[in-house]
Amino acid sequence: DDVRQAFQGARSPQRVVAISSTMPIGGCRQLDENLL
């Protein structure tokens, strides 16, 4: 939940976003299906 909230707030075409939180396998795909 906290990662998802942070990601939704930070994501922007003008930004580089790096997730450093521990993620489960497939967790990043829950943030964006295309991993973009």
Full PDB file with SEQRES, HELIX, SHEET, SSBOND, CRYST1, ORIGX, SCALE, CONECT and MASTER records, all heavy atoms in Angstrom:
SEQRES   1 A   36  ASP ASP VAL ARG GLN ALA PHE GLN GLY ALA ARG SER PRO          
SEQRES   2 A   36  GLN ARG VAL VAL ALA ILE SER SER THR MET PRO ILE GLY          
SEQRES   3 A   36  GLY CYS ARG GLN LEU ASP GLU ASN LEU LEU                      
HELIX    1 AA1 ASP A    2  ALA A   10  1                                   9    
HELIX    2 AA2 GLY A   27  LEU A   31  1                                   5    
CRYST1    1.000    1.000    1.000  90.00  90.00  90.00 P 1           1          
ORIGX1      1.000000  0.000000  0.000000        0.00000                         
ORIGX2      0.000000  1.000000  0.000000        0.00000                         
ORIGX3      0.000000  0.000000  1.000000        0.00000                         
SCALE1      1.000000  0.000000  0.000000        0.00000                         
SCALE2      0.000000  1.000000  0.000000        0.00000                         
SCALE3      0.000000  0.000000  1.000000        0.00000                         
ATOM      1  N   ASP A   1       0.818  -1.214   0.000  1.00  0.00           N  
ATOM      2  CA  ASP A   1       0.000   0.000   0.000  1.00  0.00           C  
ATOM      3  C   ASP A   1       0.852   1.265   0.000  1.00  0.00           C  
ATOM      4  O   ASP A   1       0.596   2.205  -0.774  1.00  0.00           O  
ATOM      5  CB  ASP A   1      -0.938   0.012   1.205  1.00  0.00           C  
ATOM      6  CG  ASP A   1      -2.070  -1.002   1.083  1.00  0.00           C  
ATOM      7  OD1 ASP A   1      -2.244  -1.561  -0.026  1.00  0.00           O  
ATOM      8  OD2 ASP A   1      -2.770  -1.243   2.081  1.00  0.00           O  
ATOM      9  N   ASP A   2       1.868   1.327   0.854  1.00  0.00           N  
ATOM     10  CA  ASP A   2       2.697   2.534   0.940  1.00  0.00           C  
ATOM     11  C   ASP A   2       3.512   2.736  -0.330  1.00  0.00           C  
ATOM     12  O   ASP A   2       3.678   3.872  -0.798  1.00  0.00           O  
ATOM     13  CB  ASP A   2       3.627   2.452   2.150  1.00  0.00           C  
ATOM     14  CG  ASP A   2       2.890   2.659   3.467  1.00  0.00           C  
ATOM     15  OD1 ASP A   2       1.715   3.081   3.424  1.00  0.00           O  
ATOM     16  OD2 ASP A   2       3.483   2.393   4.529  1.00  0.00           O  
ATOM     17  N   VAL A   3       4.020   1.644  -0.897  1.00  0.00           N  
ATOM     18  CA  VAL A   3       4.780   1.748  -2.145  1.00  0.00           C  
ATOM     19  C   VAL A   3       3.871   2.200  -3.276  1.00  0.00           C  
ATOM     20  O   VAL A   3       4.236   3.072  -4.077  1.00  0.00           O  
ATOM     21  CB  VAL A   3       5.442   0.397  -2.502  1.00  0.00           C  
ATOM     22  CG1 VAL A   3       6.088   0.460  -3.886  1.00  0.00           C  
ATOM     23  CG2 VAL A   3       6.486   0.022  -1.469  1.00  0.00           C  
ATOM     24  N   ARG A   4       2.683   1.629  -3.324  1.00  0.00           N  
ATOM     25  CA  ARG A   4       1.730   1.997  -4.380  1.00  0.00           C  
ATOM     26  C   ARG A   4       1.355   3.476  -4.285  1.00  0.00           C  
ATOM     27  O   ARG A   4       1.336   4.195  -5.298  1.00  0.00           O  
ATOM     28  CB  ARG A   4       0.492   1.119  -4.276  1.00  0.00           C  
ATOM     29  CG  ARG A   4      -0.500   1.300  -5.426  1.00  0.00           C  
ATOM     30  CD  ARG A   4      -1.661   0.350  -5.299  1.00  0.00           C  
ATOM     31  NE  ARG A   4      -1.282  -1.031  -5.543  1.00  0.00           N  
ATOM     32  CZ  ARG A   4      -1.179  -1.967  -4.590  1.00  0.00           C  
ATOM     33  NH1 ARG A   4      -1.425  -1.669  -3.328  1.00  0.00           N  
ATOM     34  NH2 ARG A   4      -0.829  -3.202  -4.890  1.00  0.00           N  
ATOM     35  N   GLN A   5       1.106   3.940  -3.077  1.00  0.00           N  
ATOM     36  CA  GLN A   5       0.755   5.346  -2.882  1.00  0.00           C  
ATOM     37  C   GLN A   5       1.918   6.254  -3.291  1.00  0.00           C  
ATOM     38  O   GLN A   5       1.721   7.268  -3.974  1.00  0.00           O  
ATOM     39  CB  GLN A   5       0.385   5.601  -1.421  1.00  0.00           C  
ATOM     40  CG  GLN A   5      -0.028   7.036  -1.139  1.00  0.00           C  
ATOM     41  CD  GLN A   5      -0.342   7.257   0.336  1.00  0.00           C  
ATOM     42  OE1 GLN A   5       0.079   6.508   1.212  1.00  0.00           O  
ATOM     43  NE2 GLN A   5      -1.094   8.301   0.615  1.00  0.00           N  
ATOM     44  N   ALA A   6       3.118   5.888  -2.888  1.00  0.00           N  
ATOM     45  CA  ALA A   6       4.296   6.695  -3.237  1.00  0.00           C  
ATOM     46  C   ALA A   6       4.527   6.704  -4.740  1.00  0.00           C  
ATOM     47  O   ALA A   6       4.838   7.742  -5.335  1.00  0.00           O  
ATOM     48  CB  ALA A   6       5.529   6.152  -2.511  1.00  0.00           C  
ATOM     49  N   PHE A   7       4.362   5.551  -5.369  1.00  0.00           N  
ATOM     50  CA  PHE A   7       4.587   5.438  -6.810  1.00  0.00           C  
ATOM     51  C   PHE A   7       3.581   6.273  -7.590  1.00  0.00           C  
ATOM     52  O   PHE A   7       3.941   7.002  -8.522  1.00  0.00           O  
ATOM     53  CB  PHE A   7       4.504   3.968  -7.225  1.00  0.00           C  
ATOM     54  CG  PHE A   7       4.635   3.750  -8.714  1.00  0.00           C  
ATOM     55  CD1 PHE A   7       5.845   3.970  -9.355  1.00  0.00           C  
ATOM     56  CD2 PHE A   7       3.551   3.336  -9.466  1.00  0.00           C  
ATOM     57  CE1 PHE A   7       5.976   3.772 -10.718  1.00  0.00           C  
ATOM     58  CE2 PHE A   7       3.674   3.133 -10.833  1.00  0.00           C  
ATOM     59  CZ  PHE A   7       4.889   3.356 -11.459  1.00  0.00           C  
ATOM     60  N   GLN A   8       2.322   6.181  -7.202  1.00  0.00           N  
ATOM     61  CA  GLN A   8       1.290   6.951  -7.903  1.00  0.00           C  
ATOM     62  C   GLN A   8       1.519   8.444  -7.771  1.00  0.00           C  
ATOM     63  O   GLN A   8       1.250   9.215  -8.704  1.00  0.00           O  
ATOM     64  CB  GLN A   8      -0.089   6.558  -7.369  1.00  0.00           C  
ATOM     65  CG  GLN A   8      -0.506   5.146  -7.755  1.00  0.00           C  
ATOM     66  CD  GLN A   8      -1.770   4.678  -7.050  1.00  0.00           C  
ATOM     67  OE1 GLN A   8      -2.254   5.320  -6.112  1.00  0.00           O  
ATOM     68  NE2 GLN A   8      -2.316   3.549  -7.491  1.00  0.00           N  
ATOM     69  N   GLY A   9       2.046   8.874  -6.619  1.00  0.00           N  
ATOM     70  CA  GLY A   9       2.309  10.289  -6.423  1.00  0.00           C  
ATOM     71  C   GLY A   9       3.564  10.785  -7.125  1.00  0.00           C  
ATOM     72  O   GLY A   9       3.659  11.951  -7.507  1.00  0.00           O  
ATOM     73  N   ALA A  10       4.544   9.889  -7.288  1.00  0.00           N  
ATOM     74  CA  ALA A  10       5.841  10.299  -7.841  1.00  0.00           C  
ATOM     75  C   ALA A  10       5.931  10.138  -9.353  1.00  0.00           C  
ATOM     76  O   ALA A  10       6.700  10.840 -10.013  1.00  0.00           O  
ATOM     77  CB  ALA A  10       6.957   9.484  -7.187  1.00  0.00           C  
ATOM     78  N   ARG A  11       5.150   9.237  -9.906  1.00  0.00           N  
ATOM     79  CA  ARG A  11       5.302   8.893 -11.321  1.00  0.00           C  
ATOM     80  C   ARG A  11       5.012  10.083 -12.229  1.00  0.00           C  
ATOM     81  O   ARG A  11       4.024  10.777 -12.069  1.00  0.00           O  
ATOM     82  CB  ARG A  11       4.362   7.747 -11.667  1.00  0.00           C  
ATOM     83  CG  ARG A  11       4.611   7.141 -13.037  1.00  0.00           C  
ATOM     84  CD  ARG A  11       3.638   6.029 -13.301  1.00  0.00           C  
ATOM     85  NE  ARG A  11       4.048   5.204 -14.421  1.00  0.00           N  
ATOM     86  CZ  ARG A  11       3.332   4.199 -14.898  1.00  0.00           C  
ATOM     87  NH1 ARG A  11       2.178   3.899 -14.337  1.00  0.00           N  
ATOM     88  NH2 ARG A  11       3.761   3.503 -15.916  1.00  0.00           N  
ATOM     89  N   SER A  12       5.916  10.299 -13.184  1.00  0.00           N  
ATOM     90  CA  SER A  12       5.774  11.401 -14.131  1.00  0.00           C  
ATOM     91  C   SER A  12       6.683  11.138 -15.319  1.00  0.00           C  
ATOM     92  O   SER A  12       7.781  10.590 -15.153  1.00  0.00           O  
ATOM     93  CB  SER A  12       6.165  12.728 -13.465  1.00  0.00           C  
ATOM     94  OG  SER A  12       6.361  13.745 -14.438  1.00  0.00           O  
ATOM     95  N   PRO A  13       6.261  11.511 -16.536  1.00  0.00           N  
ATOM     96  CA  PRO A  13       7.133  11.339 -17.716  1.00  0.00           C  
ATOM     97  C   PRO A  13       8.445  12.114 -17.590  1.00  0.00           C  
ATOM     98  O   PRO A  13       9.427  11.781 -18.261  1.00  0.00           O  
ATOM     99  CB  PRO A  13       6.276  11.890 -18.865  1.00  0.00           C  
ATOM    100  CG  PRO A  13       4.867  11.811 -18.385  1.00  0.00           C  
ATOM    101  CD  PRO A  13       4.932  12.040 -16.910  1.00  0.00           C  
ATOM    102  N   GLN A  14       8.469  13.133 -16.745  1.00  0.00           N  
ATOM    103  CA  GLN A  14       9.666  13.954 -16.584  1.00  0.00           C  
ATOM    104  C   GLN A  14      10.562  13.468 -15.442  1.00  0.00           C  
ATOM    105  O   GLN A  14      11.564  14.102 -15.133  1.00  0.00           O  
ATOM    106  CB  GLN A  14       9.283  15.419 -16.320  1.00  0.00           C  
ATOM    107  CG  GLN A  14       8.728  16.161 -17.520  1.00  0.00           C  
ATOM    108  CD  GLN A  14       7.290  15.762 -17.828  1.00  0.00           C  
ATOM    109  OE1 GLN A  14       6.477  15.637 -16.916  1.00  0.00           O  
ATOM    110  NE2 GLN A  14       6.981  15.567 -19.098  1.00  0.00           N  
ATOM    111  N   ARG A  15      10.201  12.348 -14.835  1.00  0.00           N  
ATOM    112  CA  ARG A  15      10.921  11.880 -13.658  1.00  0.00           C  
ATOM    113  C   ARG A  15      11.520  10.500 -13.848  1.00  0.00           C  
ATOM    114  O   ARG A  15      10.965   9.655 -14.543  1.00  0.00           O  
ATOM    115  CB  ARG A  15       9.985  11.812 -12.452  1.00  0.00           C  
ATOM    116  CG  ARG A  15      10.030  13.025 -11.552  1.00  0.00           C  
ATOM    117  CD  ARG A  15       9.147  12.795 -10.369  1.00  0.00           C  
ATOM    118  NE  ARG A  15       9.338  13.859  -9.388  1.00  0.00           N  
ATOM    119  CZ  ARG A  15       8.491  14.114  -8.414  1.00  0.00           C  
ATOM    120  NH1 ARG A  15       7.391  13.388  -8.299  1.00  0.00           N  
ATOM    121  NH2 ARG A  15       8.734  15.085  -7.555  1.00  0.00           N  
ATOM    122  N   VAL A  16      12.650  10.290 -13.183  1.00  0.00           N  
ATOM    123  CA  VAL A  16      13.212   8.950 -13.031  1.00  0.00           C  
ATOM    124  C   VAL A  16      12.747   8.429 -11.670  1.00  0.00           C  
ATOM    125  O   VAL A  16      12.995   9.064 -10.643  1.00  0.00           O  
ATOM    126  CB  VAL A  16      14.755   8.975 -13.084  1.00  0.00           C  
ATOM    127  CG1 VAL A  16      15.325   7.602 -12.740  1.00  0.00           C  
ATOM    128  CG2 VAL A  16      15.228   9.428 -14.454  1.00  0.00           C  
ATOM    129  N   VAL A  17      12.055   7.306 -11.661  1.00  0.00           N  
ATOM    130  CA  VAL A  17      11.553   6.717 -10.418  1.00  0.00           C  
ATOM    131  C   VAL A  17      12.239   5.372 -10.197  1.00  0.00           C  
ATOM    132  O   VAL A  17      12.179   4.486 -11.051  1.00  0.00           O  
ATOM    133  CB  VAL A  17      10.026   6.528 -10.461  1.00  0.00           C  
ATOM    134  CG1 VAL A  17       9.537   5.866  -9.168  1.00  0.00           C  
ATOM    135  CG2 VAL A  17       9.331   7.868 -10.660  1.00  0.00           C  
ATOM    136  N   ALA A  18      12.897   5.245  -9.044  1.00  0.00           N  
ATOM    137  CA  ALA A  18      13.571   3.995  -8.686  1.00  0.00           C  
ATOM    138  C   ALA A  18      12.938   3.445  -7.417  1.00  0.00           C  
ATOM    139  O   ALA A  18      12.923   4.116  -6.386  1.00  0.00           O  
ATOM    140  CB  ALA A  18      15.061   4.239  -8.475  1.00  0.00           C  
ATOM    141  N   ILE A  19      12.414   2.242  -7.496  1.00  0.00           N  
ATOM    142  CA  ILE A  19      11.821   1.599  -6.324  1.00  0.00           C  
ATOM    143  C   ILE A  19      12.900   0.778  -5.641  1.00  0.00           C  
ATOM    144  O   ILE A  19      13.485  -0.126  -6.251  1.00  0.00           O  
ATOM    145  CB  ILE A  19      10.633   0.716  -6.728  1.00  0.00           C  
ATOM    146  CG1 ILE A  19       9.530   1.584  -7.335  1.00  0.00           C  
ATOM    147  CG2 ILE A  19      10.094  -0.054  -5.518  1.00  0.00           C  
ATOM    148  CD1 ILE A  19       8.382   0.807  -7.929  1.00  0.00           C  
ATOM    149  N   SER A  20      13.178   1.097  -4.386  1.00  0.00           N  
ATOM    150  CA  SER A  20      14.188   0.365  -3.626  1.00  0.00           C  
ATOM    151  C   SER A  20      13.577  -0.461  -2.503  1.00  0.00           C  
ATOM    152  O   SER A  20      14.293  -1.194  -1.823  1.00  0.00           O  
ATOM    153  CB  SER A  20      15.228   1.333  -3.053  1.00  0.00           C  
ATOM    154  OG  SER A  20      16.040   1.864  -4.080  1.00  0.00           O  
ATOM    155  N   SER A  21      12.286  -0.330  -2.278  1.00  0.00           N  
ATOM    156  CA  SER A  21      11.601  -1.153  -1.279  1.00  0.00           C  
ATOM    157  C   SER A  21      11.684  -2.624  -1.684  1.00  0.00           C  
ATOM    158  O   SER A  21      11.763  -2.954  -2.869  1.00  0.00           O  
ATOM    159  CB  SER A  21      10.124  -0.750  -1.182  1.00  0.00           C  
ATOM    160  OG  SER A  21       9.980   0.626  -0.900  1.00  0.00           O  
ATOM    161  N   THR A  22      11.652  -3.505  -0.679  1.00  0.00           N  
ATOM    162  CA  THR A  22      11.605  -4.933  -0.974  1.00  0.00           C  
ATOM    163  C   THR A  22      10.250  -5.272  -1.601  1.00  0.00           C  
ATOM    164  O   THR A  22       9.202  -4.971  -1.017  1.00  0.00           O  
ATOM    165  CB  THR A  22      11.805  -5.754   0.304  1.00  0.00           C  
ATOM    166  OG1 THR A  22      13.103  -5.475   0.840  1.00  0.00           O  
ATOM    167  CG2 THR A  22      11.689  -7.252   0.013  1.00  0.00           C  
ATOM    168  N   MET A  23      10.284  -5.887  -2.772  1.00  0.00           N  
ATOM    169  CA  MET A  23       9.064  -6.214  -3.494  1.00  0.00           C  
ATOM    170  C   MET A  23       8.937  -7.726  -3.665  1.00  0.00           C  
ATOM    171  O   MET A  23       9.941  -8.415  -3.880  1.00  0.00           O  
ATOM    172  CB  MET A  23       9.076  -5.548  -4.868  1.00  0.00           C  
ATOM    173  CG  MET A  23       9.178  -4.032  -4.837  1.00  0.00           C  
ATOM    174  SD  MET A  23       7.706  -3.247  -4.186  1.00  0.00           S  
ATOM    175  CE  MET A  23       6.587  -3.402  -5.589  1.00  0.00           C  
ATOM    176  N   PRO A  24       7.716  -8.256  -3.592  1.00  0.00           N  
ATOM    177  CA  PRO A  24       7.530  -9.672  -3.902  1.00  0.00           C  
ATOM    178  C   PRO A  24       7.677  -9.900  -5.404  1.00  0.00           C  
ATOM    179  O   PRO A  24       7.624  -8.946  -6.198  1.00  0.00           O  
ATOM    180  CB  PRO A  24       6.090  -9.934  -3.448  1.00  0.00           C  
ATOM    181  CG  PRO A  24       5.411  -8.611  -3.645  1.00  0.00           C  
ATOM    182  CD  PRO A  24       6.447  -7.576  -3.304  1.00  0.00           C  
ATOM    183  N   ILE A  25       7.886 -11.131  -5.785  1.00  0.00           N  
ATOM    184  CA  ILE A  25       7.953 -11.443  -7.209  1.00  0.00           C  
ATOM    185  C   ILE A  25       6.592 -11.143  -7.837  1.00  0.00           C  
ATOM    186  O   ILE A  25       5.556 -11.630  -7.373  1.00  0.00           O  
ATOM    187  CB  ILE A  25       8.336 -12.922  -7.423  1.00  0.00           C  
ATOM    188  CG1 ILE A  25       9.737 -13.177  -6.855  1.00  0.00           C  
ATOM    189  CG2 ILE A  25       8.298 -13.287  -8.907  1.00  0.00           C  
ATOM    190  CD1 ILE A  25      10.129 -14.631  -6.808  1.00  0.00           C  
ATOM    191  N   GLY A  26       6.593 -10.299  -8.843  1.00  0.00           N  
ATOM    192  CA  GLY A  26       5.358  -9.852  -9.457  1.00  0.00           C  
ATOM    193  C   GLY A  26       4.814  -8.579  -8.838  1.00  0.00           C  
ATOM    194  O   GLY A  26       3.822  -8.018  -9.323  1.00  0.00           O  
ATOM    195  N   GLY A  27       5.450  -8.077  -7.783  1.00  0.00           N  
ATOM    196  CA  GLY A  27       4.970  -6.882  -7.103  1.00  0.00           C  
ATOM    197  C   GLY A  27       5.057  -5.636  -7.966  1.00  0.00           C  
ATOM    198  O   GLY A  27       4.154  -4.799  -7.964  1.00  0.00           O  
ATOM    199  N   CYS A  28       6.150  -5.528  -8.722  1.00  0.00           N  
ATOM    200  CA  CYS A  28       6.291  -4.344  -9.581  1.00  0.00           C  
ATOM    201  C   CYS A  28       5.226  -4.319 -10.670  1.00  0.00           C  
ATOM    202  O   CYS A  28       4.761  -3.252 -11.079  1.00  0.00           O  
ATOM    203  CB  CYS A  28       7.691  -4.312 -10.202  1.00  0.00           C  
ATOM    204  SG  CYS A  28       9.007  -3.905  -9.018  1.00  0.00           S  
ATOM    205  N   ARG A  29       4.825  -5.503 -11.120  1.00  0.00           N  
ATOM    206  CA  ARG A  29       3.787  -5.559 -12.149  1.00  0.00           C  
ATOM    207  C   ARG A  29       2.429  -5.116 -11.593  1.00  0.00           C  
ATOM    208  O   ARG A  29       1.552  -4.703 -12.354  1.00  0.00           O  
ATOM    209  CB  ARG A  29       3.701  -6.977 -12.731  1.00  0.00           C  
ATOM    210  CG  ARG A  29       2.985  -7.059 -14.066  1.00  0.00           C  
ATOM    211  CD  ARG A  29       3.113  -8.424 -14.695  1.00  0.00           C  
ATOM    212  NE  ARG A  29       4.451  -8.695 -15.184  1.00  0.00           N  
ATOM    213  CZ  ARG A  29       4.936  -8.256 -16.347  1.00  0.00           C  
ATOM    214  NH1 ARG A  29       4.180  -7.524 -17.140  1.00  0.00           N  
ATOM    215  NH2 ARG A  29       6.169  -8.561 -16.720  1.00  0.00           N  
ATOM    216  N   GLN A  30       2.272  -5.196 -10.273  1.00  0.00           N  
ATOM    217  CA  GLN A  30       1.044  -4.683  -9.665  1.00  0.00           C  
ATOM    218  C   GLN A  30       0.984  -3.159  -9.730  1.00  0.00           C  
ATOM    219  O   GLN A  30      -0.089  -2.566  -9.680  1.00  0.00           O  
ATOM    220  CB  GLN A  30       0.945  -5.138  -8.214  1.00  0.00           C  
ATOM    221  CG  GLN A  30       0.763  -6.641  -8.034  1.00  0.00           C  
ATOM    222  CD  GLN A  30       0.634  -7.030  -6.578  1.00  0.00           C  
ATOM    223  OE1 GLN A  30      -0.020  -6.332  -5.797  1.00  0.00           O  
ATOM    224  NE2 GLN A  30       1.265  -8.130  -6.207  1.00  0.00           N  
ATOM    225  N   LEU A  31       2.156  -2.527  -9.838  1.00  0.00           N  
ATOM    226  CA  LEU A  31       2.203  -1.073  -9.959  1.00  0.00           C  
ATOM    227  C   LEU A  31       1.928  -0.640 -11.390  1.00  0.00           C  
ATOM    228  O   LEU A  31       1.265   0.359 -11.634  1.00  0.00           O  
ATOM    229  CB  LEU A  31       3.566  -0.548  -9.509  1.00  0.00           C  
ATOM    230  CG  LEU A  31       4.003  -0.908  -8.092  1.00  0.00           C  
ATOM    231  CD1 LEU A  31       5.374  -0.323  -7.808  1.00  0.00           C  
ATOM    232  CD2 LEU A  31       2.983  -0.422  -7.062  1.00  0.00           C  
ATOM    233  N   ASP A  32       2.491  -1.382 -12.344  1.00  0.00           N  
ATOM    234  CA  ASP A  32       2.259  -1.111 -13.762  1.00  0.00           C  
ATOM    235  C   ASP A  32       2.374  -2.422 -14.522  1.00  0.00           C  
ATOM    236  O   ASP A  32       3.428  -3.066 -14.509  1.00  0.00           O  
ATOM    237  CB  ASP A  32       3.275  -0.103 -14.310  1.00  0.00           C  
ATOM    238  CG  ASP A  32       2.985   0.276 -15.750  1.00  0.00           C  
ATOM    239  OD1 ASP A  32       3.375  -0.504 -16.655  1.00  0.00           O  
ATOM    240  OD2 ASP A  32       2.367   1.328 -15.987  1.00  0.00           O  
ATOM    241  N   GLU A  33       1.297  -2.812 -15.159  1.00  0.00           N  
ATOM    242  CA  GLU A  33       1.240  -4.106 -15.849  1.00  0.00           C  
ATOM    243  C   GLU A  33       2.344  -4.244 -16.882  1.00  0.00           C  
ATOM    244  O   GLU A  33       2.877  -5.338 -17.108  1.00  0.00           O  
ATOM    245  CB  GLU A  33      -0.139  -4.265 -16.505  1.00  0.00           C  
ATOM    246  CG  GLU A  33      -0.311  -5.566 -17.289  1.00  0.00           C  
ATOM    247  CD  GLU A  33      -0.248  -6.802 -16.408  1.00  0.00           C  
ATOM    248  OE1 GLU A  33      -0.623  -6.702 -15.217  1.00  0.00           O  
ATOM    249  OE2 GLU A  33       0.177  -7.855 -16.910  1.00  0.00           O  
ATOM    250  N   ASN A  34       2.724  -3.130 -17.504  1.00  0.00           N  
ATOM    251  CA  ASN A  34       3.742  -3.169 -18.558  1.00  0.00           C  
ATOM    252  C   ASN A  34       5.150  -2.876 -18.051  1.00  0.00           C  
ATOM    253  O   ASN A  34       6.093  -2.818 -18.837  1.00  0.00           O  
ATOM    254  CB  ASN A  34       3.372  -2.170 -19.659  1.00  0.00           C  
ATOM    255  CG  ASN A  34       2.059  -2.518 -20.331  1.00  0.00           C  
ATOM    256  OD1 ASN A  34       1.825  -3.667 -20.707  1.00  0.00           O  
ATOM    257  ND2 ASN A  34       1.175  -1.539 -20.472  1.00  0.00           N  
ATOM    258  N   LEU A  35       5.284  -2.662 -16.729  1.00  0.00           N  
ATOM    259  CA  LEU A  35       6.586  -2.402 -16.102  1.00  0.00           C  
ATOM    260  C   LEU A  35       7.284  -1.196 -16.722  1.00  0.00           C  
ATOM    261  O   LEU A  35       8.498  -1.204 -16.953  1.00  0.00           O  
ATOM    262  CB  LEU A  35       7.490  -3.644 -16.191  1.00  0.00           C  
ATOM    263  CG  LEU A  35       6.954  -4.908 -15.508  1.00  0.00           C  
ATOM    264  CD1 LEU A  35       7.892  -6.087 -15.755  1.00  0.00           C  
ATOM    265  CD2 LEU A  35       6.767  -4.676 -14.006  1.00  0.00           C  
ATOM    266  N   LEU A  36       6.517  -0.144 -16.958  1.00  0.00           N  
ATOM    267  CA  LEU A  36       7.061   1.056 -17.593  1.00  0.00           C  
ATOM    268  C   LEU A  36       7.072   2.231 -16.610  1.00  0.00           C  
ATOM    269  O   LEU A  36       6.264   2.300 -15.687  1.00  0.00           O  
ATOM    270  CB  LEU A  36       6.237   1.428 -18.826  1.00  0.00           C  
ATOM    271  CG  LEU A  36       6.210   0.406 -19.963  1.00  0.00           C  
ATOM    272  CD1 LEU A  36       5.266   0.866 -21.068  1.00  0.00           C  
ATOM    273  CD2 LEU A  36       7.611   0.169 -20.509  1.00  0.00           C  
TER     274      LEU A  36                                                      
MASTER        0    0    0    2    0    0    0    6  273    1    0    3          
END                                                                             
